[in-house]
Amino acid sequence: MAHRVRRPLLAAALLGPLALASLTGCGGAAPEAAAPPYVAETSAAPAPATASAPAAATPVAPLPASEPVRVRIASAGVDASPVLKLGLAADGSVQVPSVADGDKIGWYDKGVTPGETGPAVLIGHFDTARGPAVLRDVSRVHTGDQITVTRADGTDAVFRVRELEQVDKGHFPTAKVYGDTARPELRVITCGGEIADGHRPDNIILYADLVG
């Protein structure tokens, strides 16, 4: 389900223009637009309740720009490398990983890099027509868990999950996901909900803060 960017993004903050990406099954609806269709997937997706950590992370100094090359989410069994670069398609929609890249995570390269001030956005499939994909065990992630993003400069940006949210794709929280932030944050987006008519109706979104 492709999503259109209605106007250019600011370098350090992606306000409501891109409700990212649904790779063949991961993403939210663009502002004032219905969630587009995506490739049919297999197996049942988890349905975690929205949950928030009891306290916000202690602020950490932002890192300089450096592209992500590896993503690790130990609680979900994720160790994905290389990281795909996702830009914009000719029609203005956000590019998404192909079904063949279901084992990889993509980074929206029109936004900030993980560790910079602002919300860096990663996208991965829960499953595809080929079967379970990189974020198939997202239901095992809990608030307080860590997400480690290795960057091209050799540094690791370590994030702690603050909130998990499952939302209907037709009501994707664009401002919350892409709106400007005063500190370095991370979003990881995949699909959720029971398959209906070959589609998963929801998005699962992890919100995380830089802690080291």
N, C-alpha and C. Protein backbone atom coordinates (compact mmCIF):
# COMPACT_ATOMS: atom_id res chain seq x y z
N MET A 1 0.83 -1.18 0.00
CA MET A 1 0.00 0.00 0.00
C MET A 1 0.86 1.22 0.00
N ALA A 2 0.94 1.84 -1.13
CA ALA A 2 1.78 3.02 -1.27
C ALA A 2 1.11 4.20 -0.62
N HIS A 3 1.95 5.12 -0.16
CA HIS A 3 1.43 6.33 0.48
C HIS A 3 2.05 7.53 -0.19
N ARG A 4 1.27 8.53 -0.42
CA ARG A 4 1.76 9.70 -1.15
C ARG A 4 2.26 10.79 -0.20
N VAL A 5 3.32 11.43 -0.62
CA VAL A 5 3.84 12.57 0.11
C VAL A 5 3.27 13.82 -0.52
N ARG A 6 2.53 14.58 0.25
CA ARG A 6 1.78 15.70 -0.30
C ARG A 6 2.65 16.94 -0.51
N ARG A 7 3.79 17.03 0.20
CA ARG A 7 4.67 18.17 0.02
C ARG A 7 6.06 17.75 0.46
N PRO A 8 7.12 18.47 0.11
CA PRO A 8 8.48 18.09 0.48
C PRO A 8 8.64 18.04 1.98
N LEU A 9 9.48 17.13 2.47
CA LEU A 9 9.73 17.01 3.90
C LEU A 9 10.84 17.95 4.31
N LEU A 10 10.76 18.40 5.55
CA LEU A 10 11.85 19.17 6.09
C LEU A 10 12.99 18.21 6.39
N ALA A 11 14.19 18.69 6.41
CA ALA A 11 15.33 17.80 6.57
C ALA A 11 15.33 17.10 7.92
N ALA A 12 14.96 17.79 8.97
CA ALA A 12 15.07 17.18 10.29
C ALA A 12 13.75 16.72 10.85
N ALA A 13 12.66 16.93 10.19
CA ALA A 13 11.39 16.52 10.74
C ALA A 13 10.43 16.19 9.65
N LEU A 14 9.73 15.05 9.78
CA LEU A 14 8.80 14.70 8.74
C LEU A 14 7.42 14.92 9.29
N LEU A 15 6.86 16.06 9.04
CA LEU A 15 5.55 16.33 9.57
C LEU A 15 4.53 15.49 8.85
N GLY A 16 3.40 15.86 8.61
CA GLY A 16 2.39 15.00 8.06
C GLY A 16 2.51 14.61 6.64
N PRO A 17 3.56 14.74 5.94
CA PRO A 17 3.58 14.37 4.55
C PRO A 17 3.75 12.93 4.33
N LEU A 18 4.31 12.17 5.11
CA LEU A 18 4.46 10.85 4.62
C LEU A 18 4.01 9.88 5.63
N ALA A 19 3.04 9.22 5.39
CA ALA A 19 2.62 8.29 6.34
C ALA A 19 3.14 7.03 5.81
N LEU A 20 4.20 6.77 6.05
CA LEU A 20 5.11 5.86 5.49
C LEU A 20 4.59 4.63 4.89
N ALA A 21 5.06 4.02 4.59
CA ALA A 21 5.24 2.92 3.99
C ALA A 21 4.82 1.59 4.07
N SER A 22 4.06 1.15 3.53
CA SER A 22 3.58 -0.11 3.75
C SER A 22 4.21 -1.09 2.89
N LEU A 23 5.17 -1.58 3.15
CA LEU A 23 5.75 -2.47 2.19
C LEU A 23 4.71 -3.47 2.00
N THR A 24 4.90 -4.55 1.39
CA THR A 24 3.73 -5.27 0.99
C THR A 24 2.95 -5.59 2.20
N GLY A 25 2.87 -4.76 3.05
CA GLY A 25 2.07 -4.94 4.18
C GLY A 25 2.51 -4.16 5.35
N CYS A 26 3.16 -3.03 5.22
CA CYS A 26 3.53 -2.27 6.39
C CYS A 26 3.45 -0.81 6.13
N GLY A 27 2.56 -0.11 6.72
CA GLY A 27 2.53 1.32 6.54
C GLY A 27 1.22 1.90 6.93
N GLY A 28 1.14 3.21 6.93
CA GLY A 28 -0.08 3.87 7.33
C GLY A 28 -0.65 4.67 6.20
N ALA A 29 -1.83 5.15 6.39
CA ALA A 29 -2.49 5.91 5.34
C ALA A 29 -1.96 7.33 5.29
N ALA A 30 -1.84 7.87 4.11
CA ALA A 30 -1.38 9.24 3.95
C ALA A 30 -2.45 10.20 4.42
N PRO A 31 -2.09 11.42 4.74
CA PRO A 31 -3.06 12.39 5.24
C PRO A 31 -4.25 12.52 4.29
N GLU A 32 -5.44 12.47 4.84
CA GLU A 32 -6.67 12.66 4.09
C GLU A 32 -6.81 11.65 2.94
N ALA A 33 -6.21 10.48 3.12
CA ALA A 33 -6.30 9.47 2.07
C ALA A 33 -6.59 8.12 2.69
N ALA A 34 -7.33 7.30 1.97
CA ALA A 34 -7.62 5.97 2.47
C ALA A 34 -6.40 5.10 2.34
N ALA A 35 -6.27 4.11 3.22
CA ALA A 35 -5.14 3.20 3.15
C ALA A 35 -5.21 2.40 1.87
N PRO A 36 -4.15 2.42 1.05
CA PRO A 36 -4.17 1.70 -0.20
C PRO A 36 -4.01 0.20 0.01
N PRO A 37 -4.32 -0.61 -1.01
CA PRO A 37 -4.20 -2.04 -0.87
C PRO A 37 -2.74 -2.48 -0.89
N TYR A 38 -2.48 -3.65 -0.36
CA TYR A 38 -1.14 -4.17 -0.40
C TYR A 38 -1.19 -5.66 -0.67
N VAL A 39 -0.03 -6.26 -0.88
CA VAL A 39 0.05 -7.66 -1.25
C VAL A 39 -0.53 -8.55 -0.16
N ALA A 40 -1.26 -9.56 -0.55
CA ALA A 40 -1.84 -10.49 0.41
C ALA A 40 -0.75 -11.16 1.20
N GLU A 41 -1.00 -11.38 2.48
CA GLU A 41 -0.02 -12.02 3.33
C GLU A 41 -0.56 -13.30 3.93
N THR A 42 0.33 -14.02 4.59
CA THR A 42 -0.04 -15.30 5.17
C THR A 42 0.10 -15.27 6.67
N SER A 43 -0.52 -16.21 7.33
CA SER A 43 -0.47 -16.41 8.78
C SER A 43 -1.13 -15.27 9.53
N ALA A 44 -1.41 -15.51 10.79
CA ALA A 44 -2.15 -14.53 11.59
C ALA A 44 -1.19 -13.54 12.23
N ALA A 45 -1.48 -12.28 12.10
CA ALA A 45 -0.64 -11.25 12.71
C ALA A 45 -1.07 -11.04 14.15
N PRO A 46 -0.14 -10.60 14.99
CA PRO A 46 -0.46 -10.36 16.39
C PRO A 46 -1.35 -9.14 16.54
N ALA A 47 -1.97 -9.03 17.68
CA ALA A 47 -2.82 -7.87 17.93
C ALA A 47 -2.50 -7.32 19.31
N PRO A 48 -1.30 -6.73 19.49
CA PRO A 48 -0.93 -6.21 20.80
C PRO A 48 -1.76 -4.99 21.16
N ALA A 49 -2.11 -4.87 22.41
CA ALA A 49 -2.82 -3.68 22.86
C ALA A 49 -1.83 -2.53 22.91
N THR A 50 -2.33 -1.32 22.75
CA THR A 50 -1.47 -0.17 22.88
C THR A 50 -0.90 -0.14 24.29
N ALA A 51 0.41 0.08 24.39
CA ALA A 51 1.05 0.07 25.69
C ALA A 51 2.13 1.12 25.72
N SER A 52 2.31 1.75 26.88
CA SER A 52 3.32 2.77 27.02
C SER A 52 4.21 2.46 28.22
N ALA A 53 5.47 2.83 28.11
CA ALA A 53 6.38 2.66 29.23
C ALA A 53 6.02 3.64 30.33
N PRO A 54 6.32 3.32 31.59
CA PRO A 54 5.93 4.19 32.70
C PRO A 54 6.68 5.51 32.74
N ALA A 55 7.86 5.57 32.13
CA ALA A 55 8.63 6.81 32.19
C ALA A 55 9.37 7.02 30.90
N ALA A 56 9.56 8.29 30.55
CA ALA A 56 10.28 8.62 29.33
C ALA A 56 11.77 8.39 29.52
N ALA A 57 12.46 8.17 28.42
CA ALA A 57 13.90 7.95 28.48
C ALA A 57 14.62 9.25 28.86
N THR A 58 15.76 9.10 29.54
CA THR A 58 16.57 10.26 29.84
C THR A 58 17.14 10.82 28.54
N PRO A 59 17.03 12.12 28.33
CA PRO A 59 17.51 12.69 27.07
C PRO A 59 18.98 12.37 26.82
N VAL A 60 19.30 12.06 25.57
CA VAL A 60 20.66 11.74 25.15
C VAL A 60 21.02 12.67 24.00
N ALA A 61 22.26 13.11 23.95
CA ALA A 61 22.69 14.02 22.89
C ALA A 61 22.50 13.37 21.53
N PRO A 62 21.96 14.10 20.56
CA PRO A 62 21.77 13.54 19.22
C PRO A 62 23.09 13.23 18.54
N LEU A 63 23.04 12.33 17.57
CA LEU A 63 24.22 11.94 16.80
C LEU A 63 24.22 12.67 15.47
N PRO A 64 25.38 12.79 14.84
CA PRO A 64 25.42 13.37 13.50
C PRO A 64 24.79 12.41 12.50
N ALA A 65 24.49 12.90 11.32
CA ALA A 65 23.85 12.06 10.31
C ALA A 65 24.76 10.92 9.89
N SER A 66 24.18 9.72 9.80
CA SER A 66 24.90 8.55 9.30
C SER A 66 23.85 7.48 9.00
N GLU A 67 23.88 6.94 7.80
CA GLU A 67 22.83 6.02 7.38
C GLU A 67 22.87 4.70 8.13
N PRO A 68 21.71 4.09 8.35
CA PRO A 68 21.65 2.80 9.06
C PRO A 68 22.10 1.67 8.14
N VAL A 69 22.82 0.71 8.71
CA VAL A 69 23.27 -0.45 7.93
C VAL A 69 22.84 -1.78 8.55
N ARG A 70 22.39 -1.73 9.80
CA ARG A 70 21.97 -2.97 10.47
C ARG A 70 20.96 -2.62 11.56
N VAL A 71 19.95 -3.46 11.72
CA VAL A 71 18.93 -3.24 12.75
C VAL A 71 18.80 -4.52 13.57
N ARG A 72 18.88 -4.37 14.89
CA ARG A 72 18.72 -5.51 15.79
C ARG A 72 17.62 -5.23 16.81
N ILE A 73 16.68 -6.14 16.88
CA ILE A 73 15.62 -6.09 17.90
C ILE A 73 15.64 -7.48 18.55
N ALA A 74 16.38 -7.62 19.62
CA ALA A 74 16.62 -8.94 20.21
C ALA A 74 15.32 -9.63 20.61
N SER A 75 14.40 -8.89 21.19
CA SER A 75 13.17 -9.52 21.68
C SER A 75 12.31 -10.08 20.55
N ALA A 76 12.50 -9.57 19.33
CA ALA A 76 11.74 -10.08 18.17
C ALA A 76 12.59 -10.97 17.28
N GLY A 77 13.81 -11.27 17.72
CA GLY A 77 14.68 -12.12 16.93
C GLY A 77 15.13 -11.49 15.63
N VAL A 78 15.21 -10.17 15.59
CA VAL A 78 15.57 -9.46 14.36
C VAL A 78 17.05 -9.07 14.37
N ASP A 79 17.74 -9.44 13.30
CA ASP A 79 19.11 -8.98 13.04
C ASP A 79 19.20 -8.82 11.53
N ALA A 80 18.84 -7.63 11.06
CA ALA A 80 18.66 -7.39 9.63
C ALA A 80 19.76 -6.50 9.07
N SER A 81 20.42 -6.98 8.04
CA SER A 81 21.47 -6.23 7.35
C SER A 81 21.61 -6.80 5.94
N PRO A 82 21.79 -5.95 4.95
CA PRO A 82 21.84 -4.49 5.00
C PRO A 82 20.45 -3.90 5.17
N VAL A 83 20.41 -2.59 5.42
CA VAL A 83 19.15 -1.86 5.52
C VAL A 83 18.86 -1.22 4.17
N LEU A 84 17.64 -1.42 3.68
CA LEU A 84 17.25 -0.86 2.39
C LEU A 84 16.99 0.64 2.51
N LYS A 85 17.25 1.37 1.44
CA LYS A 85 16.91 2.79 1.38
C LYS A 85 15.60 2.93 0.63
N LEU A 86 14.63 3.57 1.26
CA LEU A 86 13.31 3.76 0.68
C LEU A 86 13.09 5.24 0.40
N GLY A 87 12.87 5.57 -0.86
CA GLY A 87 12.62 6.96 -1.22
C GLY A 87 11.19 7.15 -1.67
N LEU A 88 11.00 7.91 -2.73
CA LEU A 88 9.68 8.18 -3.27
C LEU A 88 9.57 7.61 -4.68
N ALA A 89 8.43 7.02 -4.97
CA ALA A 89 8.16 6.55 -6.32
C ALA A 89 7.74 7.73 -7.20
N ALA A 90 7.65 7.49 -8.49
CA ALA A 90 7.31 8.55 -9.43
C ALA A 90 5.96 9.18 -9.15
N ASP A 91 5.04 8.40 -8.58
CA ASP A 91 3.71 8.93 -8.30
C ASP A 91 3.61 9.64 -6.95
N GLY A 92 4.75 9.79 -6.28
CA GLY A 92 4.76 10.48 -5.00
C GLY A 92 4.54 9.60 -3.80
N SER A 93 4.34 8.31 -4.02
CA SER A 93 4.16 7.39 -2.90
C SER A 93 5.52 6.96 -2.36
N VAL A 94 5.53 6.51 -1.13
CA VAL A 94 6.76 6.04 -0.51
C VAL A 94 7.12 4.66 -1.07
N GLN A 95 8.35 4.49 -1.47
CA GLN A 95 8.79 3.19 -1.93
C GLN A 95 8.76 2.19 -0.78
N VAL A 96 8.55 0.93 -1.13
CA VAL A 96 8.51 -0.10 -0.10
C VAL A 96 9.37 -1.28 -0.54
N PRO A 97 9.88 -2.08 0.40
CA PRO A 97 10.65 -3.26 0.03
C PRO A 97 9.81 -4.22 -0.80
N SER A 98 10.44 -4.92 -1.67
CA SER A 98 9.75 -5.90 -2.48
C SER A 98 9.44 -7.15 -1.66
N VAL A 99 8.60 -7.99 -2.20
CA VAL A 99 8.30 -9.26 -1.54
C VAL A 99 9.59 -10.06 -1.39
N ALA A 100 10.47 -9.98 -2.38
CA ALA A 100 11.74 -10.70 -2.31
C ALA A 100 12.63 -10.21 -1.17
N ASP A 101 12.39 -8.97 -0.72
CA ASP A 101 13.16 -8.40 0.39
C ASP A 101 12.39 -8.46 1.71
N GLY A 102 11.53 -9.46 1.84
CA GLY A 102 10.75 -9.59 3.05
C GLY A 102 11.56 -9.83 4.30
N ASP A 103 12.82 -10.26 4.15
CA ASP A 103 13.69 -10.50 5.30
C ASP A 103 14.51 -9.28 5.68
N LYS A 104 14.26 -8.15 5.01
CA LYS A 104 15.04 -6.93 5.27
C LYS A 104 14.15 -5.83 5.83
N ILE A 105 14.80 -4.86 6.45
CA ILE A 105 14.12 -3.67 6.95
C ILE A 105 14.54 -2.49 6.09
N GLY A 106 13.61 -1.59 5.83
CA GLY A 106 13.90 -0.40 5.03
C GLY A 106 13.87 0.86 5.88
N TRP A 107 14.65 1.84 5.46
CA TRP A 107 14.70 3.14 6.13
C TRP A 107 14.24 4.21 5.15
N TYR A 108 13.33 5.07 5.56
CA TYR A 108 12.85 6.16 4.72
C TYR A 108 13.92 7.23 4.66
N ASP A 109 14.60 7.33 3.51
CA ASP A 109 15.80 8.16 3.44
C ASP A 109 15.53 9.64 3.18
N LYS A 110 14.26 10.04 3.12
CA LYS A 110 13.94 11.47 3.03
C LYS A 110 13.81 12.09 4.41
N GLY A 111 13.87 11.26 5.44
CA GLY A 111 13.80 11.75 6.81
C GLY A 111 15.18 11.71 7.45
N VAL A 112 15.22 11.84 8.76
CA VAL A 112 16.49 11.84 9.48
C VAL A 112 17.05 10.42 9.58
N THR A 113 18.34 10.33 9.82
CA THR A 113 18.96 9.03 10.08
C THR A 113 18.79 8.69 11.57
N PRO A 114 18.74 7.42 11.92
CA PRO A 114 18.56 7.03 13.32
C PRO A 114 19.65 7.62 14.21
N GLY A 115 19.23 8.35 15.22
CA GLY A 115 20.16 9.00 16.13
C GLY A 115 20.17 10.50 15.99
N GLU A 116 19.74 11.01 14.82
CA GLU A 116 19.60 12.45 14.67
C GLU A 116 18.33 12.93 15.38
N THR A 117 18.26 14.23 15.65
CA THR A 117 17.04 14.78 16.22
C THR A 117 15.90 14.64 15.22
N GLY A 118 14.78 14.12 15.71
CA GLY A 118 13.63 13.89 14.85
C GLY A 118 13.25 12.42 14.84
N PRO A 119 12.18 12.08 14.14
CA PRO A 119 11.72 10.69 14.10
C PRO A 119 12.26 9.94 12.87
N ALA A 120 13.24 9.08 13.08
CA ALA A 120 13.70 8.21 12.00
C ALA A 120 12.68 7.08 11.85
N VAL A 121 12.42 6.66 10.60
CA VAL A 121 11.36 5.68 10.35
C VAL A 121 11.91 4.45 9.65
N LEU A 122 11.63 3.29 10.23
CA LEU A 122 11.99 2.00 9.65
C LEU A 122 10.72 1.23 9.35
N ILE A 123 10.76 0.43 8.27
CA ILE A 123 9.58 -0.34 7.87
C ILE A 123 9.98 -1.77 7.56
N GLY A 124 9.18 -2.72 8.00
CA GLY A 124 9.45 -4.11 7.67
C GLY A 124 8.16 -4.89 7.55
N HIS A 125 8.18 -5.95 6.76
CA HIS A 125 7.01 -6.81 6.60
C HIS A 125 6.80 -7.69 7.83
N PHE A 126 5.54 -7.89 8.15
CA PHE A 126 5.19 -8.95 9.11
C PHE A 126 5.22 -10.28 8.38
N ASP A 127 4.60 -10.30 7.21
CA ASP A 127 4.67 -11.45 6.32
C ASP A 127 4.33 -10.98 4.91
N THR A 128 4.56 -11.84 3.96
CA THR A 128 4.24 -11.55 2.56
C THR A 128 3.57 -12.78 1.98
N ALA A 129 3.31 -12.75 0.69
CA ALA A 129 2.71 -13.90 0.03
C ALA A 129 3.62 -15.12 0.11
N ARG A 130 4.90 -14.88 0.40
CA ARG A 130 5.86 -15.99 0.51
C ARG A 130 5.91 -16.59 1.91
N GLY A 131 5.30 -15.93 2.88
CA GLY A 131 5.31 -16.46 4.24
C GLY A 131 5.82 -15.44 5.25
N PRO A 132 6.16 -15.87 6.47
CA PRO A 132 6.62 -14.98 7.52
C PRO A 132 7.82 -14.15 7.08
N ALA A 133 7.88 -12.91 7.56
CA ALA A 133 8.93 -11.99 7.15
C ALA A 133 9.69 -11.47 8.37
N VAL A 134 10.47 -10.41 8.17
CA VAL A 134 11.44 -9.98 9.17
C VAL A 134 10.81 -9.61 10.51
N LEU A 135 9.60 -9.03 10.51
CA LEU A 135 8.98 -8.61 11.77
C LEU A 135 7.85 -9.55 12.20
N ARG A 136 7.97 -10.81 11.85
CA ARG A 136 6.94 -11.80 12.18
C ARG A 136 6.75 -11.98 13.68
N ASP A 137 7.78 -11.66 14.47
CA ASP A 137 7.68 -11.84 15.93
C ASP A 137 7.57 -10.51 16.66
N VAL A 138 6.97 -9.51 16.00
CA VAL A 138 6.84 -8.20 16.62
C VAL A 138 6.02 -8.27 17.91
N SER A 139 5.14 -9.25 18.03
CA SER A 139 4.31 -9.36 19.23
C SER A 139 5.13 -9.66 20.48
N ARG A 140 6.37 -10.06 20.31
CA ARG A 140 7.24 -10.34 21.46
C ARG A 140 7.91 -9.09 22.01
N VAL A 141 7.77 -7.98 21.31
CA VAL A 141 8.40 -6.74 21.76
C VAL A 141 7.54 -6.09 22.83
N HIS A 142 8.19 -5.60 23.87
CA HIS A 142 7.48 -4.92 24.97
C HIS A 142 8.14 -3.57 25.23
N THR A 143 7.43 -2.70 25.90
CA THR A 143 8.02 -1.43 26.31
C THR A 143 9.24 -1.72 27.18
N GLY A 144 10.27 -0.94 26.99
CA GLY A 144 11.52 -1.14 27.70
C GLY A 144 12.53 -1.95 26.91
N ASP A 145 12.10 -2.66 25.87
CA ASP A 145 13.03 -3.42 25.05
C ASP A 145 13.90 -2.47 24.22
N GLN A 146 15.06 -2.97 23.81
CA GLN A 146 15.99 -2.15 23.05
C GLN A 146 15.96 -2.48 21.56
N ILE A 147 16.21 -1.43 20.77
CA ILE A 147 16.40 -1.56 19.33
C ILE A 147 17.75 -0.91 19.04
N THR A 148 18.66 -1.67 18.45
CA THR A 148 20.00 -1.16 18.16
C THR A 148 20.16 -1.00 16.66
N VAL A 149 20.52 0.21 16.25
CA VAL A 149 20.74 0.50 14.83
C VAL A 149 22.21 0.83 14.64
N THR A 150 22.90 -0.03 13.90
CA THR A 150 24.30 0.24 13.55
C THR A 150 24.32 1.15 12.35
N ARG A 151 25.18 2.16 12.41
CA ARG A 151 25.22 3.19 11.38
C ARG A 151 26.49 3.07 10.54
N ALA A 152 26.47 3.72 9.39
CA ALA A 152 27.59 3.61 8.45
C ALA A 152 28.90 4.12 9.03
N ASP A 153 28.83 5.02 10.02
CA ASP A 153 30.05 5.54 10.63
C ASP A 153 30.61 4.62 11.71
N GLY A 154 29.98 3.46 11.91
CA GLY A 154 30.47 2.49 12.88
C GLY A 154 29.85 2.62 14.26
N THR A 155 29.04 3.65 14.48
CA THR A 155 28.42 3.83 15.79
C THR A 155 27.11 3.05 15.87
N ASP A 156 26.70 2.74 17.09
CA ASP A 156 25.41 2.10 17.36
C ASP A 156 24.50 3.12 18.02
N ALA A 157 23.33 3.33 17.45
CA ALA A 157 22.30 4.15 18.09
C ALA A 157 21.36 3.19 18.80
N VAL A 158 21.30 3.29 20.12
CA VAL A 158 20.51 2.37 20.92
C VAL A 158 19.23 3.07 21.37
N PHE A 159 18.09 2.49 21.03
CA PHE A 159 16.80 3.05 21.37
C PHE A 159 16.06 2.14 22.34
N ARG A 160 15.22 2.74 23.17
CA ARG A 160 14.36 1.95 24.07
C ARG A 160 12.91 2.18 23.69
N VAL A 161 12.18 1.09 23.56
CA VAL A 161 10.77 1.17 23.16
C VAL A 161 9.96 1.82 24.27
N ARG A 162 9.27 2.89 23.92
CA ARG A 162 8.44 3.64 24.86
C ARG A 162 6.97 3.30 24.74
N GLU A 163 6.55 2.96 23.53
CA GLU A 163 5.13 2.74 23.28
C GLU A 163 4.95 1.80 22.11
N LEU A 164 3.91 0.97 22.17
CA LEU A 164 3.48 0.14 21.05
C LEU A 164 2.04 0.48 20.77
N GLU A 165 1.72 0.59 19.49
CA GLU A 165 0.37 0.99 19.13
C GLU A 165 -0.10 0.19 17.92
N GLN A 166 -1.34 -0.27 17.97
CA GLN A 166 -1.95 -0.92 16.81
C GLN A 166 -3.14 -0.07 16.38
N VAL A 167 -3.12 0.32 15.11
CA VAL A 167 -4.15 1.24 14.61
C VAL A 167 -4.68 0.76 13.26
N ASP A 168 -5.90 1.11 12.99
CA ASP A 168 -6.48 0.85 11.67
C ASP A 168 -5.76 1.70 10.64
N LYS A 169 -5.44 1.11 9.49
CA LYS A 169 -4.70 1.84 8.48
C LYS A 169 -5.45 3.07 7.97
N GLY A 170 -6.76 3.04 8.06
CA GLY A 170 -7.54 4.20 7.64
C GLY A 170 -7.47 5.35 8.61
N HIS A 171 -6.89 5.10 9.80
CA HIS A 171 -6.77 6.17 10.81
C HIS A 171 -5.32 6.25 11.29
N PHE A 172 -4.41 6.16 10.34
CA PHE A 172 -2.99 6.18 10.66
C PHE A 172 -2.62 7.52 11.33
N PRO A 173 -1.91 7.49 12.48
CA PRO A 173 -1.57 8.71 13.22
C PRO A 173 -0.38 9.44 12.61
N THR A 174 -0.60 10.05 11.47
CA THR A 174 0.49 10.67 10.72
C THR A 174 1.30 11.66 11.54
N ALA A 175 0.63 12.59 12.20
CA ALA A 175 1.35 13.62 12.96
C ALA A 175 2.16 13.00 14.09
N LYS A 176 1.60 12.01 14.73
CA LYS A 176 2.29 11.36 15.84
C LYS A 176 3.53 10.61 15.37
N VAL A 177 3.43 9.98 14.21
CA VAL A 177 4.55 9.19 13.70
C VAL A 177 5.62 10.07 13.07
N TYR A 178 5.18 11.04 12.25
CA TYR A 178 6.12 11.81 11.45
C TYR A 178 6.35 13.23 11.94
N GLY A 179 5.56 13.67 12.92
CA GLY A 179 5.71 15.03 13.39
C GLY A 179 7.07 15.28 14.02
N ASP A 180 7.48 16.54 14.01
CA ASP A 180 8.78 16.92 14.55
C ASP A 180 8.89 16.54 16.02
N THR A 181 10.10 16.21 16.45
CA THR A 181 10.37 15.90 17.86
C THR A 181 11.61 16.68 18.29
N ALA A 182 11.70 16.94 19.58
CA ALA A 182 12.82 17.71 20.10
C ALA A 182 14.03 16.85 20.41
N ARG A 183 13.88 15.54 20.27
CA ARG A 183 14.97 14.63 20.58
C ARG A 183 15.02 13.52 19.52
N PRO A 184 16.07 12.72 19.52
CA PRO A 184 16.15 11.62 18.56
C PRO A 184 15.18 10.50 18.93
N GLU A 185 14.34 10.14 17.98
CA GLU A 185 13.38 9.06 18.21
C GLU A 185 13.36 8.13 17.01
N LEU A 186 12.74 6.97 17.20
CA LEU A 186 12.67 5.96 16.16
C LEU A 186 11.26 5.43 16.07
N ARG A 187 10.79 5.15 14.85
CA ARG A 187 9.52 4.46 14.63
C ARG A 187 9.82 3.20 13.81
N VAL A 188 9.21 2.11 14.20
CA VAL A 188 9.29 0.87 13.42
C VAL A 188 7.85 0.48 13.08
N ILE A 189 7.56 0.35 11.79
CA ILE A 189 6.19 0.12 11.34
C ILE A 189 6.07 -1.22 10.63
N THR A 190 5.04 -1.98 10.98
CA THR A 190 4.72 -3.21 10.27
C THR A 190 3.20 -3.34 10.23
N CYS A 191 2.72 -4.52 9.83
CA CYS A 191 1.28 -4.74 9.71
C CYS A 191 0.73 -5.56 10.86
N GLY A 192 -0.57 -5.53 11.02
CA GLY A 192 -1.21 -6.30 12.06
C GLY A 192 -2.67 -6.56 11.74
N GLY A 193 -3.31 -7.32 12.61
CA GLY A 193 -4.72 -7.63 12.42
C GLY A 193 -4.91 -8.90 11.62
N GLU A 194 -6.09 -9.45 11.71
CA GLU A 194 -6.41 -10.67 10.99
C GLU A 194 -6.67 -10.37 9.52
N ILE A 195 -6.19 -11.22 8.65
CA ILE A 195 -6.37 -11.02 7.21
C ILE A 195 -7.84 -11.04 6.84
N ALA A 196 -8.24 -10.04 6.07
CA ALA A 196 -9.60 -9.96 5.54
C ALA A 196 -9.49 -9.53 4.08
N ASP A 197 -10.04 -10.34 3.19
CA ASP A 197 -9.96 -10.04 1.76
C ASP A 197 -8.53 -9.89 1.28
N GLY A 198 -7.64 -10.69 1.85
CA GLY A 198 -6.25 -10.67 1.40
C GLY A 198 -5.42 -9.55 1.96
N HIS A 199 -5.95 -8.79 2.92
CA HIS A 199 -5.24 -7.65 3.47
C HIS A 199 -5.22 -7.71 5.00
N ARG A 200 -4.20 -7.11 5.57
CA ARG A 200 -4.20 -6.88 7.02
C ARG A 200 -4.71 -5.46 7.26
N PRO A 201 -5.65 -5.28 8.14
CA PRO A 201 -6.29 -3.97 8.26
C PRO A 201 -5.55 -2.96 9.11
N ASP A 202 -4.58 -3.41 9.88
CA ASP A 202 -3.96 -2.52 10.86
C ASP A 202 -2.47 -2.31 10.60
N ASN A 203 -1.92 -1.33 11.32
CA ASN A 203 -0.48 -1.14 11.43
C ASN A 203 -0.10 -1.30 12.89
N ILE A 204 1.05 -1.90 13.10
CA ILE A 204 1.66 -1.95 14.43
C ILE A 204 2.85 -0.99 14.39
N ILE A 205 2.91 -0.09 15.34
CA ILE A 205 3.94 0.94 15.36
C ILE A 205 4.68 0.89 16.69
N LEU A 206 5.99 0.81 16.61
CA LEU A 206 6.84 0.89 17.80
C LEU A 206 7.42 2.30 17.87
N TYR A 207 7.30 2.95 19.01
CA TYR A 207 7.89 4.26 19.24
C TYR A 207 9.04 4.07 20.22
N ALA A 208 10.21 4.58 19.87
CA ALA A 208 11.38 4.38 20.73
C ALA A 208 12.20 5.65 20.84
N ASP A 209 12.91 5.80 21.96
CA ASP A 209 13.73 6.96 22.21
C ASP A 209 15.21 6.57 22.27
N LEU A 210 16.07 7.46 21.80
CA LEU A 210 17.52 7.22 21.87
C LEU A 210 17.97 7.24 23.33
N VAL A 211 18.68 6.20 23.74
CA VAL A 211 19.14 6.12 25.13
C VAL A 211 20.65 5.92 25.21
N GLY A 212 21.31 5.70 24.07
CA GLY A 212 22.75 5.50 24.12
C GLY A 212 23.33 5.35 22.74
